[in-house]
Every structure is written in structure tokens, then in C-alpha cells.
All heavy atoms as atom14 arrays in JSON, in Angstrom:
{
  "sequence": "ERISVGRGQYVLDFANPAVVDGIFHAMKKIIAETKLDYIKWDM",
  "atom14_mask": [
    [1, 1, 1, 1, 1, 1, 1, 1, 1, 0, 0, 0, 0, 0],
    [1, 1, 1, 1, 1, 1, 1, 1, 1, 1, 1, 0, 0, 0],
    [1, 1, 1, 1, 1, 1, 1, 1, 0, 0, 0, 0, 0, 0],
    [1, 1, 1, 1, 1, 1, 0, 0, 0, 0, 0, 0, 0, 0],
    [1, 1, 1, 1, 1, 1, 1, 0, 0, 0, 0, 0, 0, 0],
    [1, 1, 1, 1, 0, 0, 0, 0, 0, 0, 0, 0, 0, 0],
    [1, 1, 1, 1, 1, 1, 1, 1, 1, 1, 1, 0, 0, 0],
    [1, 1, 1, 1, 0, 0, 0, 0, 0, 0, 0, 0, 0, 0],
    [1, 1, 1, 1, 1, 1, 1, 1, 1, 0, 0, 0, 0, 0],
    [1, 1, 1, 1, 1, 1, 1, 1, 1, 1, 1, 1, 0, 0],
    [1, 1, 1, 1, 1, 1, 1, 0, 0, 0, 0, 0, 0, 0],
    [1, 1, 1, 1, 1, 1, 1, 1, 0, 0, 0, 0, 0, 0],
    [1, 1, 1, 1, 1, 1, 1, 1, 0, 0, 0, 0, 0, 0],
    [1, 1, 1, 1, 1, 1, 1, 1, 1, 1, 1, 0, 0, 0],
    [1, 1, 1, 1, 1, 0, 0, 0, 0, 0, 0, 0, 0, 0],
    [1, 1, 1, 1, 1, 1, 1, 1, 0, 0, 0, 0, 0, 0],
    [1, 1, 1, 1, 1, 1, 1, 0, 0, 0, 0, 0, 0, 0],
    [1, 1, 1, 1, 1, 0, 0, 0, 0, 0, 0, 0, 0, 0],
    [1, 1, 1, 1, 1, 1, 1, 0, 0, 0, 0, 0, 0, 0],
    [1, 1, 1, 1, 1, 1, 1, 0, 0, 0, 0, 0, 0, 0],
    [1, 1, 1, 1, 1, 1, 1, 1, 0, 0, 0, 0, 0, 0],
    [1, 1, 1, 1, 0, 0, 0, 0, 0, 0, 0, 0, 0, 0],
    [1, 1, 1, 1, 1, 1, 1, 1, 0, 0, 0, 0, 0, 0],
    [1, 1, 1, 1, 1, 1, 1, 1, 1, 1, 1, 0, 0, 0],
    [1, 1, 1, 1, 1, 1, 1, 1, 1, 1, 0, 0, 0, 0],
    [1, 1, 1, 1, 1, 0, 0, 0, 0, 0, 0, 0, 0, 0],
    [1, 1, 1, 1, 1, 1, 1, 1, 0, 0, 0, 0, 0, 0],
    [1, 1, 1, 1, 1, 1, 1, 1, 1, 0, 0, 0, 0, 0],
    [1, 1, 1, 1, 1, 1, 1, 1, 1, 0, 0, 0, 0, 0],
    [1, 1, 1, 1, 1, 1, 1, 1, 0, 0, 0, 0, 0, 0],
    [1, 1, 1, 1, 1, 1, 1, 1, 0, 0, 0, 0, 0, 0],
    [1, 1, 1, 1, 1, 0, 0, 0, 0, 0, 0, 0, 0, 0],
    [1, 1, 1, 1, 1, 1, 1, 1, 1, 0, 0, 0, 0, 0],
    [1, 1, 1, 1, 1, 1, 1, 0, 0, 0, 0, 0, 0, 0],
    [1, 1, 1, 1, 1, 1, 1, 1, 1, 0, 0, 0, 0, 0],
    [1, 1, 1, 1, 1, 1, 1, 1, 0, 0, 0, 0, 0, 0],
    [1, 1, 1, 1, 1, 1, 1, 1, 0, 0, 0, 0, 0, 0],
    [1, 1, 1, 1, 1, 1, 1, 1, 1, 1, 1, 1, 0, 0],
    [1, 1, 1, 1, 1, 1, 1, 1, 0, 0, 0, 0, 0, 0],
    [1, 1, 1, 1, 1, 1, 1, 1, 1, 0, 0, 0, 0, 0],
    [1, 1, 1, 1, 1, 1, 1, 1, 1, 1, 1, 1, 1, 1],
    [1, 1, 1, 1, 1, 1, 1, 1, 0, 0, 0, 0, 0, 0],
    [1, 1, 1, 1, 1, 1, 1, 1, 0, 0, 0, 0, 0, 0]
  ],
  "atom14_positions": [
    [[-96.42, -1.2, -27.99], [-96.83, -1.83, -26.69], [-98.21, -1.4, -26.42], [-99.01, -2.32, -25.85], [-95.93, -1.32, -25.61], [-96.13, -1.9, -24.24], [-95.15, -1.55, -23.23], [-94.1, -0.94, -23.48], [-95.46, -1.65, -22.1], [0.0, 0.0, 0.0], [0.0, 0.0, 0.0], [0.0, 0.0, 0.0], [0.0, 0.0, 0.0], [0.0, 0.0, 0.0]],
    [[-98.72, -0.23, -26.56], [-100.11, 0.18, -26.15], [-101.07, -0.51, -26.99], [-100.98, -0.53, -28.26], [-100.2, 1.74, -26.35], [-101.46, 2.12, -25.68], [-101.87, 3.57, -26.22], [-102.27, 3.45, -27.64], [-102.5, 4.46, -28.4], [-102.27, 5.72, -28.1], [-103.0, 4.31, -29.7], [0.0, 0.0, 0.0], [0.0, 0.0, 0.0], [0.0, 0.0, 0.0]],
    [[-102.12, -0.98, -26.43], [-103.23, -1.62, -27.12], [-104.53, -1.42, -26.43], [-104.57, -1.47, -25.15], [-102.91, -3.13, -27.51], [-104.06, -3.76, -28.31], [-102.77, -3.91, -26.14], [-103.72, -5.11, -28.84], [0.0, 0.0, 0.0], [0.0, 0.0, 0.0], [0.0, 0.0, 0.0], [0.0, 0.0, 0.0], [0.0, 0.0, 0.0], [0.0, 0.0, 0.0]],
    [[-105.59, -1.15, -27.15], [-106.92, -1.18, -26.52], [-107.48, -2.54, -26.49], [-107.39, -3.21, -27.53], [-107.82, -0.17, -27.33], [-107.21, 1.18, -27.34], [0.0, 0.0, 0.0], [0.0, 0.0, 0.0], [0.0, 0.0, 0.0], [0.0, 0.0, 0.0], [0.0, 0.0, 0.0], [0.0, 0.0, 0.0], [0.0, 0.0, 0.0], [0.0, 0.0, 0.0]],
    [[-108.07, -2.92, -25.4], [-108.86, -4.21, -25.3], [-110.25, -3.89, -24.96], [-110.56, -3.2, -23.97], [-108.17, -5.1, -24.24], [-108.92, -6.43, -24.16], [-106.74, -5.33, -24.55], [0.0, 0.0, 0.0], [0.0, 0.0, 0.0], [0.0, 0.0, 0.0], [0.0, 0.0, 0.0], [0.0, 0.0, 0.0], [0.0, 0.0, 0.0], [0.0, 0.0, 0.0]],
    [[-111.11, -4.38, -25.67], [-112.62, -4.22, -25.51], [-113.26, -5.54, -25.13], [-113.05, -6.58, -25.69], [0.0, 0.0, 0.0], [0.0, 0.0, 0.0], [0.0, 0.0, 0.0], [0.0, 0.0, 0.0], [0.0, 0.0, 0.0], [0.0, 0.0, 0.0], [0.0, 0.0, 0.0], [0.0, 0.0, 0.0], [0.0, 0.0, 0.0], [0.0, 0.0, 0.0]],
    [[-114.01, -5.47, -23.99], [-114.8, -6.66, -23.54], [-113.79, -7.83, -23.27], [-114.21, -8.98, -23.47], [-115.83, -7.0, -24.56], [-117.01, -7.66, -23.86], [-118.24, -7.76, -24.99], [-119.34, -8.42, -24.53], [-119.56, -9.73, -24.64], [-118.72, -10.47, -25.4], [-120.62, -10.3, -24.28], [0.0, 0.0, 0.0], [0.0, 0.0, 0.0], [0.0, 0.0, 0.0]],
    [[-112.58, -7.6, -23.02], [-111.66, -8.6, -22.68], [-111.34, -9.57, -23.77], [-110.96, -10.69, -23.68], [0.0, 0.0, 0.0], [0.0, 0.0, 0.0], [0.0, 0.0, 0.0], [0.0, 0.0, 0.0], [0.0, 0.0, 0.0], [0.0, 0.0, 0.0], [0.0, 0.0, 0.0], [0.0, 0.0, 0.0], [0.0, 0.0, 0.0], [0.0, 0.0, 0.0]],
    [[-111.39, -8.99, -25.03], [-111.17, -9.84, -26.26], [-110.45, -9.07, -27.32], [-110.51, -7.75, -27.32], [-112.46, -10.38, -26.85], [-113.52, -9.37, -27.33], [-114.98, -9.91, -27.22], [-115.42, -10.5, -26.28], [-115.6, -9.79, -28.45], [0.0, 0.0, 0.0], [0.0, 0.0, 0.0], [0.0, 0.0, 0.0], [0.0, 0.0, 0.0], [0.0, 0.0, 0.0]],
    [[-109.77, -9.84, -28.23], [-109.18, -9.23, -29.36], [-109.95, -9.46, -30.64], [-110.79, -10.49, -30.68], [-107.68, -9.69, -29.62], [-106.8, -9.56, -28.48], [-105.88, -10.49, -27.99], [-106.66, -8.17, -27.85], [-104.97, -10.23, -26.96], [-105.75, -8.0, -26.91], [-104.97, -9.01, -26.39], [-104.05, -8.7, -25.42], [0.0, 0.0, 0.0], [0.0, 0.0, 0.0]],
    [[-109.77, -8.74, -31.71], [-110.29, -9.01, -32.98], [-109.35, -9.87, -33.85], [-108.22, -9.51, -33.88], [-110.6, -7.66, -33.7], [-111.36, -7.96, -35.1], [-111.5, -6.76, -32.92], [0.0, 0.0, 0.0], [0.0, 0.0, 0.0], [0.0, 0.0, 0.0], [0.0, 0.0, 0.0], [0.0, 0.0, 0.0], [0.0, 0.0, 0.0], [0.0, 0.0, 0.0]],
    [[-109.92, -10.99, -34.4], [-109.14, -11.67, -35.34], [-108.86, -11.05, -36.71], [-109.71, -10.24, -37.15], [-109.84, -13.03, -35.56], [-109.66, -14.09, -34.42], [-110.75, -15.3, -34.65], [-108.34, -14.51, -34.23], [0.0, 0.0, 0.0], [0.0, 0.0, 0.0], [0.0, 0.0, 0.0], [0.0, 0.0, 0.0], [0.0, 0.0, 0.0], [0.0, 0.0, 0.0]],
    [[-107.71, -11.3, -37.25], [-107.3, -10.61, -38.49], [-108.04, -11.28, -39.72], [-107.4, -12.14, -40.43], [-105.86, -10.65, -38.73], [-105.34, -9.86, -39.88], [-106.19, -9.25, -40.61], [-104.16, -9.91, -40.13], [0.0, 0.0, 0.0], [0.0, 0.0, 0.0], [0.0, 0.0, 0.0], [0.0, 0.0, 0.0], [0.0, 0.0, 0.0], [0.0, 0.0, 0.0]],
    [[-109.29, -10.81, -39.98], [-109.94, -11.44, -41.1], [-109.4, -10.89, -42.55], [-109.99, -11.42, -43.54], [-111.43, -11.24, -40.88], [-112.2, -12.43, -40.22], [-111.64, -12.91, -39.12], [-113.41, -12.89, -40.75], [-112.29, -13.94, -38.43], [-113.98, -13.94, -40.15], [-113.52, -14.58, -38.95], [0.0, 0.0, 0.0], [0.0, 0.0, 0.0], [0.0, 0.0, 0.0]],
    [[-108.48, -10.14, -42.48], [-107.86, -9.83, -43.68], [-106.9, -10.9, -44.18], [-106.39, -10.88, -45.27], [-107.08, -8.38, -43.64], [0.0, 0.0, 0.0], [0.0, 0.0, 0.0], [0.0, 0.0, 0.0], [0.0, 0.0, 0.0], [0.0, 0.0, 0.0], [0.0, 0.0, 0.0], [0.0, 0.0, 0.0], [0.0, 0.0, 0.0], [0.0, 0.0, 0.0]],
    [[-106.55, -11.79, -43.22], [-105.72, -12.94, -43.49], [-106.48, -14.23, -43.88], [-107.23, -14.74, -43.05], [-104.92, -13.21, -42.16], [-103.92, -14.42, -42.38], [-103.9, -15.07, -43.36], [-103.03, -14.47, -41.37], [0.0, 0.0, 0.0], [0.0, 0.0, 0.0], [0.0, 0.0, 0.0], [0.0, 0.0, 0.0], [0.0, 0.0, 0.0], [0.0, 0.0, 0.0]],
    [[-106.38, -14.59, -45.09], [-107.25, -15.74, -45.42], [-107.08, -16.98, -44.77], [-108.03, -17.82, -44.48], [-106.76, -15.99, -46.94], [-106.17, -14.76, -47.35], [-105.54, -14.07, -46.15], [0.0, 0.0, 0.0], [0.0, 0.0, 0.0], [0.0, 0.0, 0.0], [0.0, 0.0, 0.0], [0.0, 0.0, 0.0], [0.0, 0.0, 0.0], [0.0, 0.0, 0.0]],
    [[-105.87, -17.19, -44.07], [-105.59, -18.31, -43.27], [-106.48, -18.37, -41.97], [-106.94, -19.4, -41.46], [-104.13, -18.52, -42.85], [0.0, 0.0, 0.0], [0.0, 0.0, 0.0], [0.0, 0.0, 0.0], [0.0, 0.0, 0.0], [0.0, 0.0, 0.0], [0.0, 0.0, 0.0], [0.0, 0.0, 0.0], [0.0, 0.0, 0.0], [0.0, 0.0, 0.0]],
    [[-106.74, -17.16, -41.44], [-107.56, -16.94, -40.18], [-108.98, -17.37, -40.55], [-109.62, -18.17, -39.85], [-107.46, -15.53, -39.66], [-108.48, -15.33, -38.54], [-106.01, -15.1, -39.28], [0.0, 0.0, 0.0], [0.0, 0.0, 0.0], [0.0, 0.0, 0.0], [0.0, 0.0, 0.0], [0.0, 0.0, 0.0], [0.0, 0.0, 0.0], [0.0, 0.0, 0.0]],
    [[-109.45, -16.84, -41.7], [-110.86, -17.14, -42.15], [-111.02, -18.7, -42.31], [-112.0, -19.24, -41.88], [-111.22, -16.4, -43.5], [-112.54, -16.76, -43.94], [-111.12, -14.9, -43.1], [0.0, 0.0, 0.0], [0.0, 0.0, 0.0], [0.0, 0.0, 0.0], [0.0, 0.0, 0.0], [0.0, 0.0, 0.0], [0.0, 0.0, 0.0], [0.0, 0.0, 0.0]],
    [[-110.01, -19.26, -42.89], [-110.04, -20.7, -43.22], [-110.1, -21.45, -41.93], [-110.78, -22.44, -41.71], [-109.01, -21.15, -44.13], [-109.1, -22.39, -44.85], [-110.32, -22.6, -45.48], [-108.39, -23.29, -44.78], [0.0, 0.0, 0.0], [0.0, 0.0, 0.0], [0.0, 0.0, 0.0], [0.0, 0.0, 0.0], [0.0, 0.0, 0.0], [0.0, 0.0, 0.0]],
    [[-109.24, -21.07, -40.89], [-109.07, -21.83, -39.61], [-110.41, -21.68, -38.88], [-110.87, -22.77, -38.33], [0.0, 0.0, 0.0], [0.0, 0.0, 0.0], [0.0, 0.0, 0.0], [0.0, 0.0, 0.0], [0.0, 0.0, 0.0], [0.0, 0.0, 0.0], [0.0, 0.0, 0.0], [0.0, 0.0, 0.0], [0.0, 0.0, 0.0], [0.0, 0.0, 0.0]],
    [[-110.92, -20.5, -38.87], [-112.31, -20.38, -38.17], [-113.46, -21.16, -38.9], [-114.25, -21.94, -38.17], [-112.75, -18.91, -38.0], [-111.71, -18.15, -37.14], [-114.11, -18.81, -37.48], [-111.56, -18.75, -35.73], [0.0, 0.0, 0.0], [0.0, 0.0, 0.0], [0.0, 0.0, 0.0], [0.0, 0.0, 0.0], [0.0, 0.0, 0.0], [0.0, 0.0, 0.0]],
    [[-113.4, -21.19, -40.16], [-114.37, -21.98, -40.86], [-114.35, -23.5, -40.58], [-115.37, -24.11, -40.29], [-114.2, -21.78, -42.46], [-114.98, -22.77, -43.29], [-116.38, -22.8, -43.28], [-114.26, -23.72, -44.01], [-117.08, -23.88, -43.97], [-114.94, -24.68, -44.72], [-116.41, -24.65, -44.73], [0.0, 0.0, 0.0], [0.0, 0.0, 0.0], [0.0, 0.0, 0.0]],
    [[-113.15, -24.14, -40.6], [-113.14, -25.37, -40.25], [-113.4, -25.8, -38.77], [-114.06, -26.77, -38.56], [-111.63, -25.87, -40.5], [-111.36, -26.0, -41.97], [-111.94, -27.07, -42.73], [-110.54, -25.31, -42.78], [-111.45, -26.9, -44.12], [-110.57, -25.95, -44.04], [0.0, 0.0, 0.0], [0.0, 0.0, 0.0], [0.0, 0.0, 0.0], [0.0, 0.0, 0.0]],
    [[-113.17, -24.84, -37.86], [-113.69, -25.11, -36.52], [-115.2, -25.11, -36.47], [-115.83, -25.89, -35.79], [-113.06, -24.1, -35.56], [0.0, 0.0, 0.0], [0.0, 0.0, 0.0], [0.0, 0.0, 0.0], [0.0, 0.0, 0.0], [0.0, 0.0, 0.0], [0.0, 0.0, 0.0], [0.0, 0.0, 0.0], [0.0, 0.0, 0.0], [0.0, 0.0, 0.0]],
    [[-115.83, -24.06, -37.1], [-117.24, -24.04, -37.17], [-117.91, -25.13, -37.98], [-118.92, -25.72, -37.47], [-117.66, -22.65, -37.8], [-117.31, -21.46, -36.87], [-117.81, -19.86, -37.74], [-119.57, -19.9, -37.59], [0.0, 0.0, 0.0], [0.0, 0.0, 0.0], [0.0, 0.0, 0.0], [0.0, 0.0, 0.0], [0.0, 0.0, 0.0], [0.0, 0.0, 0.0]],
    [[-117.31, -25.49, -38.96], [-117.83, -26.6, -39.87], [-118.08, -27.79, -39.01], [-119.05, -28.58, -39.25], [-116.92, -26.78, -41.09], [-117.4, -27.87, -41.93], [-116.37, -28.09, -43.13], [-116.84, -29.35, -43.95], [-115.85, -29.57, -45.13], [0.0, 0.0, 0.0], [0.0, 0.0, 0.0], [0.0, 0.0, 0.0], [0.0, 0.0, 0.0], [0.0, 0.0, 0.0]],
    [[-117.03, -28.18, -38.28], [-117.14, -29.36, -37.38], [-118.28, -29.35, -36.46], [-118.98, -30.34, -36.4], [-115.76, -29.54, -36.61], [-115.7, -30.83, -35.9], [-114.34, -30.98, -35.17], [-114.31, -32.19, -34.35], [-112.92, -32.41, -33.6], [0.0, 0.0, 0.0], [0.0, 0.0, 0.0], [0.0, 0.0, 0.0], [0.0, 0.0, 0.0], [0.0, 0.0, 0.0]],
    [[-118.53, -28.35, -35.84], [-119.72, -28.15, -34.92], [-120.97, -28.24, -35.75], [-121.97, -28.91, -35.29], [-119.64, -26.77, -34.06], [-118.36, -26.85, -33.16], [-120.92, -26.63, -33.35], [-118.52, -27.93, -32.06], [0.0, 0.0, 0.0], [0.0, 0.0, 0.0], [0.0, 0.0, 0.0], [0.0, 0.0, 0.0], [0.0, 0.0, 0.0], [0.0, 0.0, 0.0]],
    [[-121.03, -27.48, -36.88], [-122.29, -27.54, -37.66], [-122.64, -28.88, -38.12], [-123.77, -29.3, -37.98], [-122.1, -26.54, -38.96], [-121.92, -25.01, -38.46], [-123.33, -26.65, -39.75], [-121.5, -24.15, -39.57], [0.0, 0.0, 0.0], [0.0, 0.0, 0.0], [0.0, 0.0, 0.0], [0.0, 0.0, 0.0], [0.0, 0.0, 0.0], [0.0, 0.0, 0.0]],
    [[-121.58, -29.74, -38.65], [-121.91, -31.01, -39.17], [-122.31, -31.91, -38.02], [-123.15, -32.75, -37.98], [-120.72, -31.47, -39.86], [0.0, 0.0, 0.0], [0.0, 0.0, 0.0], [0.0, 0.0, 0.0], [0.0, 0.0, 0.0], [0.0, 0.0, 0.0], [0.0, 0.0, 0.0], [0.0, 0.0, 0.0], [0.0, 0.0, 0.0], [0.0, 0.0, 0.0]],
    [[-121.53, -31.83, -36.85], [-121.71, -32.76, -35.7], [-123.13, -32.63, -35.13], [-123.79, -33.64, -34.69], [-120.71, -32.55, -34.53], [-120.77, -33.42, -33.42], [-119.75, -33.23, -32.34], [-118.84, -32.37, -32.61], [-119.75, -33.91, -31.29], [0.0, 0.0, 0.0], [0.0, 0.0, 0.0], [0.0, 0.0, 0.0], [0.0, 0.0, 0.0], [0.0, 0.0, 0.0]],
    [[-123.63, -31.37, -35.06], [-125.02, -31.09, -34.5], [-126.16, -31.11, -35.48], [-127.24, -30.99, -35.12], [-124.93, -29.65, -33.78], [-124.62, -28.69, -34.8], [-123.89, -29.65, -32.65], [0.0, 0.0, 0.0], [0.0, 0.0, 0.0], [0.0, 0.0, 0.0], [0.0, 0.0, 0.0], [0.0, 0.0, 0.0], [0.0, 0.0, 0.0], [0.0, 0.0, 0.0]],
    [[-125.75, -31.21, -36.84], [-126.73, -31.1, -37.91], [-127.5, -29.79, -37.55], [-128.79, -29.73, -37.56], [-127.83, -32.24, -37.89], [-127.12, -33.6, -38.25], [-128.14, -34.79, -38.17], [-127.49, -36.01, -38.65], [-126.25, -36.52, -37.89], [0.0, 0.0, 0.0], [0.0, 0.0, 0.0], [0.0, 0.0, 0.0], [0.0, 0.0, 0.0], [0.0, 0.0, 0.0]],
    [[-126.74, -28.75, -37.5], [-127.25, -27.41, -37.04], [-128.3, -26.8, -38.04], [-128.18, -26.88, -39.27], [-126.1, -26.47, -36.86], [-126.26, -25.28, -35.94], [-126.7, -25.69, -34.46], [-125.03, -24.4, -35.94], [0.0, 0.0, 0.0], [0.0, 0.0, 0.0], [0.0, 0.0, 0.0], [0.0, 0.0, 0.0], [0.0, 0.0, 0.0], [0.0, 0.0, 0.0]],
    [[-129.37, -26.23, -37.45], [-130.35, -25.51, -38.25], [-130.16, -23.95, -38.3], [-130.69, -23.36, -39.17], [-131.72, -25.78, -37.6], [-131.99, -27.31, -37.42], [-132.18, -27.92, -38.58], [-131.9, -27.85, -36.35], [0.0, 0.0, 0.0], [0.0, 0.0, 0.0], [0.0, 0.0, 0.0], [0.0, 0.0, 0.0], [0.0, 0.0, 0.0], [0.0, 0.0, 0.0]],
    [[-129.43, -23.42, -37.26], [-129.44, -22.02, -37.09], [-128.32, -21.51, -36.39], [-127.82, -22.22, -35.49], [-130.66, -21.79, -36.16], [-131.28, -20.34, -35.76], [-132.37, -19.94, -36.27], [-130.52, -19.51, -34.84], [-132.9, -18.69, -35.89], [-130.97, -18.31, -34.52], [-132.05, -17.86, -35.07], [-132.63, -16.66, -34.7], [0.0, 0.0, 0.0], [0.0, 0.0, 0.0]],
    [[-127.7, -20.47, -36.82], [-126.47, -19.8, -36.17], [-126.88, -18.46, -35.74], [-127.48, -17.65, -36.52], [-125.37, -19.82, -37.04], [-124.62, -21.23, -37.23], [-124.3, -18.77, -36.58], [-123.49, -21.22, -38.17], [0.0, 0.0, 0.0], [0.0, 0.0, 0.0], [0.0, 0.0, 0.0], [0.0, 0.0, 0.0], [0.0, 0.0, 0.0], [0.0, 0.0, 0.0]],
    [[-126.58, -18.0, -34.46], [-126.54, -16.66, -34.13], [-125.13, -16.18, -34.25], [-124.3, -16.64, -33.39], [-127.2, -16.45, -32.78], [-127.15, -14.93, -32.28], [-127.9, -14.77, -30.97], [-127.91, -13.23, -30.74], [-128.53, -12.99, -29.32], [0.0, 0.0, 0.0], [0.0, 0.0, 0.0], [0.0, 0.0, 0.0], [0.0, 0.0, 0.0], [0.0, 0.0, 0.0]],
    [[-124.82, -15.4, -35.22], [-123.52, -14.87, -35.42], [-123.32, -13.45, -34.73], [-123.86, -12.48, -35.22], [-123.33, -14.71, -36.93], [-121.97, -14.25, -37.38], [-121.21, -13.18, -36.97], [-121.27, -14.73, -38.54], [-120.14, -13.03, -37.74], [-120.14, -13.93, -38.68], [-121.57, -15.72, -39.49], [-119.23, -14.28, -39.74], [-120.6, -16.04, -40.39], [-119.43, -15.24, -40.65]],
    [[-122.51, -13.4, -33.67], [-122.31, -12.2, -32.93], [-121.01, -11.56, -33.25], [-120.14, -12.17, -33.71], [-122.41, -12.53, -31.47], [-123.01, -11.29, -30.66], [-123.03, -10.2, -31.14], [-123.45, -11.56, -29.54], [0.0, 0.0, 0.0], [0.0, 0.0, 0.0], [0.0, 0.0, 0.0], [0.0, 0.0, 0.0], [0.0, 0.0, 0.0], [0.0, 0.0, 0.0]],
    [[-120.89, -10.25, -32.93], [-119.58, -9.52, -33.06], [-119.59, -8.32, -32.05], [-120.38, -7.39, -32.31], [-119.41, -9.02, -34.48], [-118.08, -8.45, -34.85], [-117.85, -6.84, -34.3], [-118.73, -5.91, -35.5], [0.0, 0.0, 0.0], [0.0, 0.0, 0.0], [0.0, 0.0, 0.0], [0.0, 0.0, 0.0], [0.0, 0.0, 0.0], [0.0, 0.0, 0.0]]
  ]
}
């Protein structure tokens, strides 16, 4: 039951390939739609 929450957010389980793939497809859509030049990748 106990869990620490930082900055009001959870960490996604990037040990799971399905998570990585799901995030990639969401980002890919934005990158393609905007013809993006630059990403600021935060964590």
C-alpha cells in the first residue's frame, strides 16, 4: 500500500518493452505531425 510520490507523478516501467513501444508511438505521431527539429527530453 505504501508508495512514495515525487512531484505528483509516477515513473513508467521502462523495463517493460510494451511501455517503451507505447510511448514511442505517441511521440512519433507528434514528431511527424510537427516535422519536429528538436526535443527537450526531461526526467
